Amino acid sequence: MTLFFEDEYDQLLENGRNFNEASDDKPVVKLFMTNTNCCWLISEINPEYPEIAFGLCDLGMGFPELGFVDLNELRQARGFFRVLCRDENFEGAYPISVYAEAARNAQRIVTDEASLKEAAIKLKIS
């Protein structure tokens, strides 16, 4: 399965080239593991190590966090009725910090407009 389309991959690499502590890019891709609560919002890929991505990671245990993820590990993760998929309808509308704040409040990654707006207001991001 293709995790990223070519234009998405290019955007992830571009975001990675500009990555620093102040980076707050919009997530480009939402990945999830079927039949689990695991979800990832990927916003950057390290151009020097393209198997390493950065984003909001939720392993379904109630404490989503911003961090790095090994894409090779994600691709290899499989199990009984568990397959890594991408959300074809996802479009990052807010910076990753807004998704992280909304996820902290909900204790899981959320993408509904009401939760994201509330988080954006709290962070004073328009």
PDB file of N, CA and C in Angstrom:
ATOM      1  N   MET A   1       0.826  -1.179   0.000  1.00  0.00           N
ATOM      2  CA  MET A   1       0.000   0.000   0.000  1.00  0.00           C
ATOM      3  C   MET A   1       0.876   1.249   0.000  1.00  0.00           C
ATOM      4  N   THR A   2       0.489   2.224  -0.771  1.00  0.00           N
ATOM      5  CA  THR A   2       1.204   3.489  -0.830  1.00  0.00           C
ATOM      6  C   THR A   2       0.758   4.375   0.327  1.00  0.00           C
ATOM      7  N   LEU A   3       1.713   4.790   1.146  1.00  0.00           N
ATOM      8  CA  LEU A   3       1.376   5.659   2.266  1.00  0.00           C
ATOM      9  C   LEU A   3       1.158   7.095   1.830  1.00  0.00           C
ATOM     10  N   PHE A   4       1.918   7.522   0.817  1.00  0.00           N
ATOM     11  CA  PHE A   4       1.861   8.916   0.392  1.00  0.00           C
ATOM     12  C   PHE A   4       1.797   8.975  -1.128  1.00  0.00           C
ATOM     13  N   PHE A   5       1.018   9.920  -1.636  1.00  0.00           N
ATOM     14  CA  PHE A   5       1.047  10.220  -3.053  1.00  0.00           C
ATOM     15  C   PHE A   5       2.270  11.097  -3.307  1.00  0.00           C
ATOM     16  N   GLU A   6       2.687  11.201  -4.540  1.00  0.00           N
ATOM     17  CA  GLU A   6       3.918  11.923  -4.868  1.00  0.00           C
ATOM     18  C   GLU A   6       3.894  13.372  -4.389  1.00  0.00           C
ATOM     19  N   ASP A   7       2.780  14.071  -4.600  1.00  0.00           N
ATOM     20  CA  ASP A   7       2.709  15.472  -4.170  1.00  0.00           C
ATOM     21  C   ASP A   7       2.739  15.580  -2.645  1.00  0.00           C
ATOM     22  N   GLU A   8       2.148  14.627  -1.951  1.00  0.00           N
ATOM     23  CA  GLU A   8       2.185  14.617  -0.486  1.00  0.00           C
ATOM     24  C   GLU A   8       3.612  14.364   0.009  1.00  0.00           C
ATOM     25  N   TYR A   9       4.276  13.409  -0.619  1.00  0.00           N
ATOM     26  CA  TYR A   9       5.645  13.097  -0.241  1.00  0.00           C
ATOM     27  C   TYR A   9       6.552  14.315  -0.437  1.00  0.00           C
ATOM     28  N   ASP A  10       6.371  14.999  -1.552  1.00  0.00           N
ATOM     29  CA  ASP A  10       7.148  16.216  -1.817  1.00  0.00           C
ATOM     30  C   ASP A  10       6.890  17.277  -0.744  1.00  0.00           C
ATOM     31  N   GLN A  11       5.628  17.428  -0.338  1.00  0.00           N
ATOM     32  CA  GLN A  11       5.295  18.403   0.706  1.00  0.00           C
ATOM     33  C   GLN A  11       5.897  17.992   2.044  1.00  0.00           C
ATOM     34  N   LEU A  12       5.849  16.712   2.367  1.00  0.00           N
ATOM     35  CA  LEU A  12       6.437  16.208   3.614  1.00  0.00           C
ATOM     36  C   LEU A  12       7.943  16.460   3.646  1.00  0.00           C
ATOM     37  N   LEU A  13       8.607  16.234   2.527  1.00  0.00           N
ATOM     38  CA  LEU A  13      10.048  16.500   2.445  1.00  0.00           C
ATOM     39  C   LEU A  13      10.340  17.990   2.573  1.00  0.00           C
ATOM     40  N   GLU A  14       9.532  18.820   1.918  1.00  0.00           N
ATOM     41  CA  GLU A  14       9.712  20.276   2.009  1.00  0.00           C
ATOM     42  C   GLU A  14       9.537  20.734   3.453  1.00  0.00           C
ATOM     43  N   ASN A  15       8.513  20.234   4.124  1.00  0.00           N
ATOM     44  CA  ASN A  15       8.311  20.571   5.533  1.00  0.00           C
ATOM     45  C   ASN A  15       9.505  20.102   6.367  1.00  0.00           C
ATOM     46  N   GLY A  16      10.052  18.947   6.036  1.00  0.00           N
ATOM     47  CA  GLY A  16      11.210  18.417   6.755  1.00  0.00           C
ATOM     48  C   GLY A  16      12.462  19.250   6.549  1.00  0.00           C
ATOM     49  N   ARG A  17      12.626  19.803   5.365  1.00  0.00           N
ATOM     50  CA  ARG A  17      13.789  20.653   5.096  1.00  0.00           C
ATOM     51  C   ARG A  17      13.759  21.906   5.972  1.00  0.00           C
ATOM     52  N   ASN A  18      12.570  22.367   6.287  1.00  0.00           N
ATOM     53  CA  ASN A  18      12.403  23.589   7.077  1.00  0.00           C
ATOM     54  C   ASN A  18      12.135  23.293   8.546  1.00  0.00           C
ATOM     55  N   PHE A  19      12.286  22.044   8.956  1.00  0.00           N
ATOM     56  CA  PHE A  19      11.947  21.628  10.320  1.00  0.00           C
ATOM     57  C   PHE A  19      12.901  22.239  11.341  1.00  0.00           C
ATOM     58  N   ASN A  20      12.325  22.810  12.399  1.00  0.00           N
ATOM     59  CA  ASN A  20      13.081  23.281  13.552  1.00  0.00           C
ATOM     60  C   ASN A  20      12.117  23.327  14.730  1.00  0.00           C
ATOM     61  N   GLU A  21      12.586  23.782  15.870  1.00  0.00           N
ATOM     62  CA  GLU A  21      11.745  23.792  17.073  1.00  0.00           C
ATOM     63  C   GLU A  21      10.499  24.655  16.912  1.00  0.00           C
ATOM     64  N   ALA A  22      10.547  25.638  16.039  1.00  0.00           N
ATOM     65  CA  ALA A  22       9.404  26.524  15.842  1.00  0.00           C
ATOM     66  C   ALA A  22       8.466  26.045  14.728  1.00  0.00           C
ATOM     67  N   SER A  23       8.804  24.937  14.071  1.00  0.00           N
ATOM     68  CA  SER A  23       7.968  24.430  12.982  1.00  0.00           C
ATOM     69  C   SER A  23       6.580  24.085  13.490  1.00  0.00           C
ATOM     70  N   ASP A  24       5.600  24.439  12.714  1.00  0.00           N
ATOM     71  CA  ASP A  24       4.214  24.132  13.065  1.00  0.00           C
ATOM     72  C   ASP A  24       3.421  23.927  11.777  1.00  0.00           C
ATOM     73  N   ASP A  25       3.883  22.973  10.981  1.00  0.00           N
ATOM     74  CA  ASP A  25       3.251  22.708   9.693  1.00  0.00           C
ATOM     75  C   ASP A  25       1.923  21.987   9.873  1.00  0.00           C
ATOM     76  N   LYS A  26       1.111  22.086   8.857  1.00  0.00           N
ATOM     77  CA  LYS A  26      -0.142  21.330   8.840  1.00  0.00           C
ATOM     78  C   LYS A  26       0.184  19.865   8.558  1.00  0.00           C
ATOM     79  N   PRO A  27      -0.538  18.947   9.186  1.00  0.00           N
ATOM     80  CA  PRO A  27      -0.326  17.545   8.834  1.00  0.00           C
ATOM     81  C   PRO A  27      -0.750  17.314   7.384  1.00  0.00           C
ATOM     82  N   VAL A  28      -0.008  16.462   6.710  1.00  0.00           N
ATOM     83  CA  VAL A  28      -0.241  16.200   5.295  1.00  0.00           C
ATOM     84  C   VAL A  28      -1.044  14.919   5.103  1.00  0.00           C
ATOM     85  N   VAL A  29      -0.782  13.928   5.941  1.00  0.00           N
ATOM     86  CA  VAL A  29      -1.404  12.609   5.787  1.00  0.00           C
ATOM     87  C   VAL A  29      -1.854  12.077   7.141  1.00  0.00           C
ATOM     88  N   LYS A  30      -2.998  11.412   7.141  1.00  0.00           N
ATOM     89  CA  LYS A  30      -3.489  10.714   8.328  1.00  0.00           C
ATOM     90  C   LYS A  30      -3.427   9.217   8.043  1.00  0.00           C
ATOM     91  N   LEU A  31      -2.688   8.502   8.888  1.00  0.00           N
ATOM     92  CA  LEU A  31      -2.589   7.045   8.788  1.00  0.00           C
ATOM     93  C   LEU A  31      -3.272   6.436  10.005  1.00  0.00           C
ATOM     94  N   PHE A  32      -3.791   5.236   9.850  1.00  0.00           N
ATOM     95  CA  PHE A  32      -4.402   4.542  10.976  1.00  0.00           C
ATOM     96  C   PHE A  32      -4.278   3.038  10.781  1.00  0.00           C
ATOM     97  N   MET A  33      -4.344   2.328  11.878  1.00  0.00           N
ATOM     98  CA  MET A  33      -4.285   0.869  11.859  1.00  0.00           C
ATOM     99  C   MET A  33      -5.711   0.360  12.074  1.00  0.00           C
ATOM    100  N   THR A  34      -6.195  -0.430  11.120  1.00  0.00           N
ATOM    101  CA  THR A  34      -7.559  -0.951  11.237  1.00  0.00           C
ATOM    102  C   THR A  34      -7.704  -1.803  12.488  1.00  0.00           C
ATOM    103  N   ASN A  35      -8.893  -1.775  13.053  1.00  0.00           N
ATOM    104  CA  ASN A  35      -9.260  -2.553  14.246  1.00  0.00           C
ATOM    105  C   ASN A  35      -8.407  -2.233  15.468  1.00  0.00           C
ATOM    106  N   THR A  36      -7.881  -1.021  15.505  1.00  0.00           N
ATOM    107  CA  THR A  36      -7.156  -0.516  16.674  1.00  0.00           C
ATOM    108  C   THR A  36      -7.525   0.956  16.837  1.00  0.00           C
ATOM    109  N   ASN A  37      -7.004   1.576  17.855  1.00  0.00           N
ATOM    110  CA  ASN A  37      -7.170   3.016  18.039  1.00  0.00           C
ATOM    111  C   ASN A  37      -5.893   3.771  17.672  1.00  0.00           C
ATOM    112  N   CYS A  38      -4.988   3.125  16.942  1.00  0.00           N
ATOM    113  CA  CYS A  38      -3.716   3.740  16.556  1.00  0.00           C
ATOM    114  C   CYS A  38      -3.913   4.661  15.355  1.00  0.00           C
ATOM    115  N   CYS A  39      -3.304   5.845  15.449  1.00  0.00           N
ATOM    116  CA  CYS A  39      -3.470   6.851  14.402  1.00  0.00           C
ATOM    117  C   CYS A  39      -2.234   7.747  14.379  1.00  0.00           C
ATOM    118  N   TRP A  40      -1.873   8.227  13.195  1.00  0.00           N
ATOM    119  CA  TRP A  40      -0.730   9.121  13.035  1.00  0.00           C
ATOM    120  C   TRP A  40      -1.104  10.242  12.080  1.00  0.00           C
ATOM    121  N   LEU A  41      -0.806  11.463  12.455  1.00  0.00           N
ATOM    122  CA  LEU A  41      -0.921  12.611  11.557  1.00  0.00           C
ATOM    123  C   LEU A  41       0.505  13.032  11.222  1.00  0.00           C
ATOM    124  N   ILE A  42       0.918  12.803  10.007  1.00  0.00           N
ATOM    125  CA  ILE A  42       2.306  13.030   9.592  1.00  0.00           C
ATOM    126  C   ILE A  42       2.425  14.417   8.952  1.00  0.00           C
ATOM    127  N   SER A  43       3.389  15.215   9.458  1.00  0.00           N
ATOM    128  CA  SER A  43       3.566  16.567   8.926  1.00  0.00           C
ATOM    129  C   SER A  43       4.918  16.781   8.247  1.00  0.00           C
ATOM    130  N   GLU A  44       5.907  15.973   8.567  1.00  0.00           N
ATOM    131  CA  GLU A  44       7.237  16.138   7.970  1.00  0.00           C
ATOM    132  C   GLU A  44       7.915  14.787   7.778  1.00  0.00           C
ATOM    133  N   ILE A  45       8.821  14.747   6.822  1.00  0.00           N
ATOM    134  CA  ILE A  45       9.747  13.617   6.651  1.00  0.00           C
ATOM    135  C   ILE A  45      11.148  14.203   6.606  1.00  0.00           C
ATOM    136  N   ASN A  46      12.055  13.570   7.315  1.00  0.00           N
ATOM    137  CA  ASN A  46      13.446  14.010   7.328  1.00  0.00           C
ATOM    138  C   ASN A  46      14.081  13.697   5.971  1.00  0.00           C
ATOM    139  N   PRO A  47      14.495  14.725   5.204  1.00  0.00           N
ATOM    140  CA  PRO A  47      15.080  14.477   3.883  1.00  0.00           C
ATOM    141  C   PRO A  47      16.373  13.657   3.934  1.00  0.00           C
ATOM    142  N   GLU A  48      17.131  13.778   5.035  1.00  0.00           N
ATOM    143  CA  GLU A  48      18.379  13.024   5.160  1.00  0.00           C
ATOM    144  C   GLU A  48      18.125  11.562   5.546  1.00  0.00           C
ATOM    145  N   TYR A  49      17.035  11.303   6.235  1.00  0.00           N
ATOM    146  CA  TYR A  49      16.648   9.955   6.657  1.00  0.00           C
ATOM    147  C   TYR A  49      15.174   9.773   6.318  1.00  0.00           C
ATOM    148  N   PRO A  50      14.852   9.505   5.043  1.00  0.00           N
ATOM    149  CA  PRO A  50      13.451   9.506   4.607  1.00  0.00           C
ATOM    150  C   PRO A  50      12.576   8.422   5.226  1.00  0.00           C
ATOM    151  N   GLU A  51      13.139   7.557   6.030  1.00  0.00           N
ATOM    152  CA  GLU A  51      12.312   6.582   6.736  1.00  0.00           C
ATOM    153  C   GLU A  51      11.825   7.138   8.079  1.00  0.00           C
ATOM    154  N   ILE A  52      12.293   8.338   8.435  1.00  0.00           N
ATOM    155  CA  ILE A  52      11.893   8.959   9.701  1.00  0.00           C
ATOM    156  C   ILE A  52      10.941  10.126   9.421  1.00  0.00           C
ATOM    157  N   ALA A  53       9.761  10.051  10.014  1.00  0.00           N
ATOM    158  CA  ALA A  53       8.751  11.097   9.865  1.00  0.00           C
ATOM    159  C   ALA A  53       8.485  11.729  11.227  1.00  0.00           C
ATOM    160  N   PHE A  54       7.829  12.866  11.196  1.00  0.00           N
ATOM    161  CA  PHE A  54       7.430  13.566  12.413  1.00  0.00           C
ATOM    162  C   PHE A  54       5.950  13.866  12.325  1.00  0.00           C
ATOM    163  N   GLY A  55       5.283  13.764  13.464  1.00  0.00           N
ATOM    164  CA  GLY A  55       3.870  14.105  13.493  1.00  0.00           C
ATOM    165  C   GLY A  55       3.257  13.813  14.850  1.00  0.00           C
ATOM    166  N   LEU A  56       1.958  13.797  14.863  1.00  0.00           N
ATOM    167  CA  LEU A  56       1.192  13.490  16.061  1.00  0.00           C
ATOM    168  C   LEU A  56       0.911  11.992  16.055  1.00  0.00           C
ATOM    169  N   CYS A  57       1.345  11.316  17.090  1.00  0.00           N
ATOM    170  CA  CYS A  57       1.261   9.858  17.156  1.00  0.00           C
ATOM    171  C   CYS A  57       0.341   9.442  18.300  1.00  0.00           C
ATOM    172  N   ASP A  58      -0.567   8.532  18.016  1.00  0.00           N
ATOM    173  CA  ASP A  58      -1.513   8.041  19.011  1.00  0.00           C
ATOM    174  C   ASP A  58      -1.557   6.528  18.922  1.00  0.00           C
ATOM    175  N   LEU A  59      -1.013   5.874  19.945  1.00  0.00           N
ATOM    176  CA  LEU A  59      -1.012   4.410  19.975  1.00  0.00           C
ATOM    177  C   LEU A  59      -2.251   3.857  20.671  1.00  0.00           C
ATOM    178  N   GLY A  60      -3.230   4.717  20.892  1.00  0.00           N
ATOM    179  CA  GLY A  60      -4.499   4.273  21.430  1.00  0.00           C
ATOM    180  C   GLY A  60      -4.515   4.024  22.924  1.00  0.00           C
ATOM    181  N   MET A  61      -3.561   4.618  23.651  1.00  0.00           N
ATOM    182  CA  MET A  61      -3.475   4.400  25.092  1.00  0.00           C
ATOM    183  C   MET A  61      -3.861   5.638  25.899  1.00  0.00           C
ATOM    184  N   GLY A  62      -4.397   6.660  25.220  1.00  0.00           N
ATOM    185  CA  GLY A  62      -4.892   7.826  25.935  1.00  0.00           C
ATOM    186  C   GLY A  62      -3.923   8.969  26.094  1.00  0.00           C
ATOM    187  N   PHE A  63      -2.737   8.874  25.477  1.00  0.00           N
ATOM    188  CA  PHE A  63      -1.803   9.999  25.578  1.00  0.00           C
ATOM    189  C   PHE A  63      -1.081  10.231  24.253  1.00  0.00           C
ATOM    190  N   PRO A  64      -1.792  10.811  23.279  1.00  0.00           N
ATOM    191  CA  PRO A  64      -1.156  11.132  21.992  1.00  0.00           C
ATOM    192  C   PRO A  64      -0.046  12.153  22.202  1.00  0.00           C
ATOM    193  N   GLU A  65       0.992  12.059  21.371  1.00  0.00           N
ATOM    194  CA  GLU A  65       2.122  12.963  21.532  1.00  0.00           C
ATOM    195  C   GLU A  65       2.781  13.270  20.201  1.00  0.00           C
ATOM    196  N   LEU A  66       3.414  14.425  20.145  1.00  0.00           N
ATOM    197  CA  LEU A  66       4.216  14.786  18.983  1.00  0.00           C
ATOM    198  C   LEU A  66       5.536  14.038  19.067  1.00  0.00           C
ATOM    199  N   GLY A  67       5.967  13.491  17.951  1.00  0.00           N
ATOM    200  CA  GLY A  67       7.231  12.775  17.969  1.00  0.00           C
ATOM    201  C   GLY A  67       7.587  12.208  16.615  1.00  0.00           C
ATOM    202  N   PHE A  68       8.667  11.465  16.616  1.00  0.00           N
ATOM    203  CA  PHE A  68       9.184  10.852  15.397  1.00  0.00           C
ATOM    204  C   PHE A  68       8.667   9.430  15.282  1.00  0.00           C
ATOM    205  N   VAL A  69       8.497   8.990  14.054  1.00  0.00           N
ATOM    206  CA  VAL A  69       8.010   7.640  13.797  1.00  0.00           C
ATOM    207  C   VAL A  69       8.824   7.035  12.649  1.00  0.00           C
ATOM    208  N   ASP A  70       9.151   5.765  12.805  1.00  0.00           N
ATOM    209  CA  ASP A  70       9.884   5.028  11.780  1.00  0.00           C
ATOM    210  C   ASP A  70       8.870   4.483  10.775  1.00  0.00           C
ATOM    211  N   LEU A  71       8.903   4.989   9.561  1.00  0.00           N
ATOM    212  CA  LEU A  71       7.936   4.577   8.553  1.00  0.00           C
ATOM    213  C   LEU A  71       8.077   3.107   8.181  1.00  0.00           C
ATOM    214  N   ASN A  72       9.303   2.577   8.257  1.00  0.00           N
ATOM    215  CA  ASN A  72       9.488   1.153   7.978  1.00  0.00           C
ATOM    216  C   ASN A  72       8.757   0.291   9.006  1.00  0.00           C
ATOM    217  N   GLU A  73       8.802   0.712  10.269  1.00  0.00           N
ATOM    218  CA  GLU A  73       8.069  -0.018  11.314  1.00  0.00           C
ATOM    219  C   GLU A  73       6.572   0.030  11.050  1.00  0.00           C
ATOM    220  N   LEU A  74       6.075   1.187  10.655  1.00  0.00           N
ATOM    221  CA  LEU A  74       4.642   1.286  10.354  1.00  0.00           C
ATOM    222  C   LEU A  74       4.255   0.374   9.202  1.00  0.00           C
ATOM    223  N   ARG A  75       5.070   0.375   8.157  1.00  0.00           N
ATOM    224  CA  ARG A  75       4.760  -0.461   6.988  1.00  0.00           C
ATOM    225  C   ARG A  75       4.751  -1.951   7.339  1.00  0.00           C
ATOM    226  N   GLN A  76       5.579  -2.348   8.281  1.00  0.00           N
ATOM    227  CA  GLN A  76       5.685  -3.761   8.656  1.00  0.00           C
ATOM    228  C   GLN A  76       4.663  -4.176   9.703  1.00  0.00           C
ATOM    229  N   ALA A  77       4.017  -3.215  10.340  1.00  0.00           N
ATOM    230  CA  ALA A  77       3.053  -3.534  11.397  1.00  0.00           C
ATOM    231  C   ALA A  77       1.823  -4.188  10.774  1.00  0.00           C
ATOM    232  N   ARG A  78       1.586  -5.395  11.158  1.00  0.00           N
ATOM    233  CA  ARG A  78       0.437  -6.149  10.672  1.00  0.00           C
ATOM    234  C   ARG A  78      -0.015  -7.063  11.793  1.00  0.00           C
ATOM    235  N   GLY A  79      -1.206  -7.501  11.690  1.00  0.00           N
ATOM    236  CA  GLY A  79      -1.721  -8.428  12.676  1.00  0.00           C
ATOM    237  C   GLY A  79      -3.038  -8.986  12.204  1.00  0.00           C
ATOM    238  N   PHE A  80      -3.648  -9.736  13.069  1.00  0.00           N
ATOM    239  CA  PHE A  80      -4.928 -10.334  12.763  1.00  0.00           C
ATOM    240  C   PHE A  80      -5.955  -9.229  12.568  1.00  0.00           C
ATOM    241  N   PHE A  81      -6.436  -9.046  11.344  1.00  0.00           N
ATOM    242  CA  PHE A  81      -7.375  -7.986  10.986  1.00  0.00           C
ATOM    243  C   PHE A  81      -6.806  -6.587  11.226  1.00  0.00           C
ATOM    244  N   ARG A  82      -5.498  -6.465  11.177  1.00  0.00           N
ATOM    245  CA  ARG A  82      -4.864  -5.155  11.362  1.00  0.00           C
ATOM    246  C   ARG A  82      -4.013  -4.825  10.145  1.00  0.00           C
ATOM    247  N   VAL A  83      -4.356  -3.710   9.529  1.00  0.00           N
ATOM    248  CA  VAL A  83      -3.655  -3.262   8.327  1.00  0.00           C
ATOM    249  C   VAL A  83      -3.474  -1.750   8.425  1.00  0.00           C
ATOM    250  N   LEU A  84      -2.312  -1.265   8.031  1.00  0.00           N
ATOM    251  CA  LEU A  84      -2.065   0.174   8.004  1.00  0.00           C
ATOM    252  C   LEU A  84      -2.772   0.771   6.791  1.00  0.00           C
ATOM    253  N   CYS A  85      -3.541   1.824   7.025  1.00  0.00           N
ATOM    254  CA  CYS A  85      -4.295   2.485   5.958  1.00  0.00           C
ATOM    255  C   CYS A  85      -4.092   3.985   6.051  1.00  0.00           C
ATOM    256  N   ARG A  86      -4.435   4.653   4.982  1.00  0.00           N
ATOM    257  CA  ARG A  86      -4.421   6.105   4.972  1.00  0.00           C
ATOM    258  C   ARG A  86      -5.856   6.585   4.845  1.00  0.00           C
ATOM    259  N   ASP A  87      -6.146   7.693   5.476  1.00  0.00           N
ATOM    260  CA  ASP A  87      -7.465   8.301   5.386  1.00  0.00           C
ATOM    261  C   ASP A  87      -7.490   9.143   4.113  1.00  0.00           C
ATOM    262  N   GLU A  88      -8.177   8.652   3.105  1.00  0.00           N
ATOM    263  CA  GLU A  88      -8.215   9.322   1.800  1.00  0.00           C
ATOM    264  C   GLU A  88      -8.912  10.686   1.864  1.00  0.00           C
ATOM    265  N   ASN A  89      -9.747  10.901   2.879  1.00  0.00           N
ATOM    266  CA  ASN A  89     -10.524  12.141   2.970  1.00  0.00           C
ATOM    267  C   ASN A  89      -9.893  13.191   3.868  1.00  0.00           C
ATOM    268  N   PHE A  90      -8.769  12.862   4.490  1.00  0.00           N
ATOM    269  CA  PHE A  90      -8.151  13.801   5.415  1.00  0.00           C
ATOM    270  C   PHE A  90      -7.458  14.934   4.680  1.00  0.00           C
ATOM    271  N   GLU A  91      -7.679  16.138   5.187  1.00  0.00           N
ATOM    272  CA  GLU A  91      -6.966  17.306   4.691  1.00  0.00           C
ATOM    273  C   GLU A  91      -6.624  18.171   5.902  1.00  0.00           C
ATOM    274  N   GLY A  92      -5.346  18.334   6.160  1.00  0.00           N
ATOM    275  CA  GLY A  92      -4.912  19.117   7.317  1.00  0.00           C
ATOM    276  C   GLY A  92      -5.307  20.574   7.167  1.00  0.00           C
ATOM    277  N   ALA A  93      -6.154  21.035   8.075  1.00  0.00           N
ATOM    278  CA  ALA A  93      -6.658  22.400   7.990  1.00  0.00           C
ATOM    279  C   ALA A  93      -6.003  23.337   8.997  1.00  0.00           C
ATOM    280  N   TYR A  94      -5.351  22.778  10.004  1.00  0.00           N
ATOM    281  CA  TYR A  94      -4.739  23.557  11.078  1.00  0.00           C
ATOM    282  C   TYR A  94      -3.289  23.114  11.260  1.00  0.00           C
ATOM    283  N   PRO A  95      -2.474  23.941  11.893  1.00  0.00           N
ATOM    284  CA  PRO A  95      -1.108  23.509  12.224  1.00  0.00           C
ATOM    285  C   PRO A  95      -1.137  22.302  13.165  1.00  0.00           C
ATOM    286  N   ILE A  96      -0.074  21.541  13.156  1.00  0.00           N
ATOM    287  CA  ILE A  96       0.000  20.317  13.965  1.00  0.00           C
ATOM    288  C   ILE A  96      -0.192  20.612  15.454  1.00  0.00           C
ATOM    289  N   SER A  97       0.189  21.801  15.912  1.00  0.00           N
ATOM    290  CA  SER A  97       0.010  22.145  17.324  1.00  0.00           C
ATOM    291  C   SER A  97      -1.461  22.159  17.721  1.00  0.00           C
ATOM    292  N   VAL A  98      -2.329  22.549  16.816  1.00  0.00           N
ATOM    293  CA  VAL A  98      -3.764  22.572  17.099  1.00  0.00           C
ATOM    294  C   VAL A  98      -4.286  21.142  17.234  1.00  0.00           C
ATOM    295  N   TYR A  99      -3.863  20.267  16.331  1.00  0.00           N
ATOM    296  CA  TYR A  99      -4.265  18.857  16.428  1.00  0.00           C
ATOM    297  C   TYR A  99      -3.743  18.239  17.725  1.00  0.00           C
ATOM    298  N   ALA A 100      -2.519  18.613  18.108  1.00  0.00           N
ATOM    299  CA  ALA A 100      -1.935  18.077  19.342  1.00  0.00           C
ATOM    300  C   ALA A 100      -2.726  18.546  20.562  1.00  0.00           C
ATOM    301  N   GLU A 101      -3.104  19.812  20.591  1.00  0.00           N
ATOM    302  CA  GLU A 101      -3.888  20.338  21.714  1.00  0.00           C
ATOM    303  C   GLU A 101      -5.265  19.670  21.778  1.00  0.00           C
ATOM    304  N   ALA A 102      -5.914  19.544  20.641  1.00  0.00           N
ATOM    305  CA  ALA A 102      -7.222  18.878  20.610  1.00  0.00           C
ATOM    306  C   ALA A 102      -7.095  17.414  21.044  1.00  0.00           C
ATOM    307  N   ALA A 103      -6.011  16.763  20.649  1.00  0.00           N
ATOM    308  CA  ALA A 103      -5.783  15.362  21.034  1.00  0.00           C
ATOM    309  C   ALA A 103      -5.532  15.240  22.531  1.00  0.00           C
ATOM    310  N   ARG A 104      -4.786  16.174  23.098  1.00  0.00           N
ATOM    311  CA  ARG A 104      -4.556  16.147  24.548  1.00  0.00           C
ATOM    312  C   ARG A 104      -5.879  16.285  25.299  1.00  0.00           C
ATOM    313  N   ASN A 105      -6.744  17.166  24.813  1.00  0.00           N
ATOM    314  CA  ASN A 105      -8.043  17.363  25.454  1.00  0.00           C
ATOM    315  C   ASN A 105      -8.921  16.118  25.351  1.00  0.00           C
ATOM    316  N   ALA A 106      -8.901  15.451  24.204  1.00  0.00           N
ATOM    317  CA  ALA A 106      -9.762  14.285  23.969  1.00  0.00           C
ATOM    318  C   ALA A 106      -9.089  12.970  24.343  1.00  0.00           C
ATOM    319  N   GLN A 107      -7.794  13.006  24.627  1.00  0.00           N
ATOM    320  CA  GLN A 107      -6.976  11.825  24.923  1.00  0.00           C
ATOM    321  C   GLN A 107      -6.924  10.854  23.741  1.00  0.00           C
ATOM    322  N   ARG A 108      -7.069  11.404  22.543  1.00  0.00           N
ATOM    323  CA  ARG A 108      -6.953  10.656  21.291  1.00  0.00           C
ATOM    324  C   ARG A 108      -6.932  11.668  20.155  1.00  0.00           C
ATOM    325  N   ILE A 109      -6.452  11.275  19.007  1.00  0.00           N
ATOM    326  CA  ILE A 109      -6.455  12.179  17.855  1.00  0.00           C
ATOM    327  C   ILE A 109      -7.888  12.393  17.399  1.00  0.00           C
ATOM    328  N   VAL A 110      -8.241  13.671  17.261  1.00  0.00           N
ATOM    329  CA  VAL A 110      -9.561  14.036  16.753  1.00  0.00           C
ATOM    330  C   VAL A 110      -9.383  14.978  15.573  1.00  0.00           C
ATOM    331  N   THR A 111     -10.334  14.936  14.654  1.00  0.00           N
ATOM    332  CA  THR A 111     -10.245  15.804  13.481  1.00  0.00           C
ATOM    333  C   THR A 111     -11.550  16.561  13.240  1.00  0.00           C
ATOM    334  N   ASP A 112     -12.460  16.519  14.204  1.00  0.00           N
ATOM    335  CA  ASP A 112     -13.722  17.241  14.018  1.00  0.00           C
ATOM    336  C   ASP A 112     -13.490  18.741  14.194  1.00  0.00           C
ATOM    337  N   GLU A 113     -14.245  19.505  13.452  1.00  0.00           N
ATOM    338  CA  GLU A 113     -14.056  20.958  13.397  1.00  0.00           C
ATOM    339  C   GLU A 113     -14.244  21.623  14.762  1.00  0.00           C
ATOM    340  N   ALA A 114     -15.219  21.186  15.542  1.00  0.00           N
ATOM    341  CA  ALA A 114     -15.485  21.822  16.838  1.00  0.00           C
ATOM    342  C   ALA A 114     -14.291  21.682  17.780  1.00  0.00           C
ATOM    343  N   SER A 115     -13.726  20.485  17.865  1.00  0.00           N
ATOM    344  CA  SER A 115     -12.564  20.256  18.740  1.00  0.00           C
ATOM    345  C   SER A 115     -11.357  21.052  18.280  1.00  0.00           C
ATOM    346  N   LEU A 116     -11.155  21.102  16.967  1.00  0.00           N
ATOM    347  CA  LEU A 116     -10.009  21.825  16.423  1.00  0.00           C
ATOM    348  C   LEU A 116     -10.158  23.329  16.607  1.00  0.00           C
ATOM    349  N   LYS A 117     -11.353  23.852  16.414  1.00  0.00           N
ATOM    350  CA  LYS A 117     -11.582  25.285  16.626  1.00  0.00           C
ATOM    351  C   LYS A 117     -11.335  25.657  18.080  1.00  0.00           C
ATOM    352  N   GLU A 118     -11.825  24.836  18.994  1.00  0.00           N
ATOM    353  CA  GLU A 118     -11.625  25.094  20.419  1.00  0.00           C
ATOM    354  C   GLU A 118     -10.136  25.113  20.754  1.00  0.00           C
ATOM    355  N   ALA A 119      -9.382  24.150  20.209  1.00  0.00           N
ATOM    356  CA  ALA A 119      -7.938  24.103  20.452  1.00  0.00           C
ATOM    357  C   ALA A 119      -7.236  25.303  19.834  1.00  0.00           C
ATOM    358  N   ALA A 120      -7.657  25.712  18.643  1.00  0.00           N
ATOM    359  CA  ALA A 120      -7.051  26.864  17.977  1.00  0.00           C
ATOM    360  C   ALA A 120      -7.290  28.139  18.780  1.00  0.00           C
ATOM    361  N   ILE A 121      -8.480  28.289  19.321  1.00  0.00           N
ATOM    362  CA  ILE A 121      -8.790  29.462  20.144  1.00  0.00           C
ATOM    363  C   ILE A 121      -7.920  29.462  21.393  1.00  0.00           C
ATOM    364  N   LYS A 122      -7.800  28.293  22.030  1.00  0.00           N
ATOM    365  CA  LYS A 122      -6.976  28.189  23.242  1.00  0.00           C
ATOM    366  C   LYS A 122      -5.521  28.570  22.947  1.00  0.00           C
ATOM    367  N   LEU A 123      -5.019  28.146  21.774  1.00  0.00           N
ATOM    368  CA  LEU A 123      -3.631  28.433  21.400  1.00  0.00           C
ATOM    369  C   LEU A 123      -3.480  29.804  20.725  1.00  0.00           C
ATOM    370  N   LYS A 124      -4.595  30.491  20.516  1.00  0.00           N
ATOM    371  CA  LYS A 124      -4.611  31.801  19.855  1.00  0.00           C
ATOM    372  C   LYS A 124      -4.059  31.724  18.431  1.00  0.00           C
ATOM    373  N   ILE A 125      -4.524  30.682  17.721  1.00  0.00           N
ATOM    374  CA  ILE A 125      -4.154  30.482  16.326  1.00  0.00           C
ATOM    375  C   ILE A 125      -5.413  30.608  15.490  1.00  0.00           C
ATOM    376  N   SER A 126      -5.336  31.433  14.469  1.00  0.00           N
ATOM    377  CA  SER A 126      -6.540  31.628  13.629  1.00  0.00           C
ATOM    378  C   SER A 126      -6.502  30.757  12.399  1.00  0.00           C
TER     379      SER A 126
END
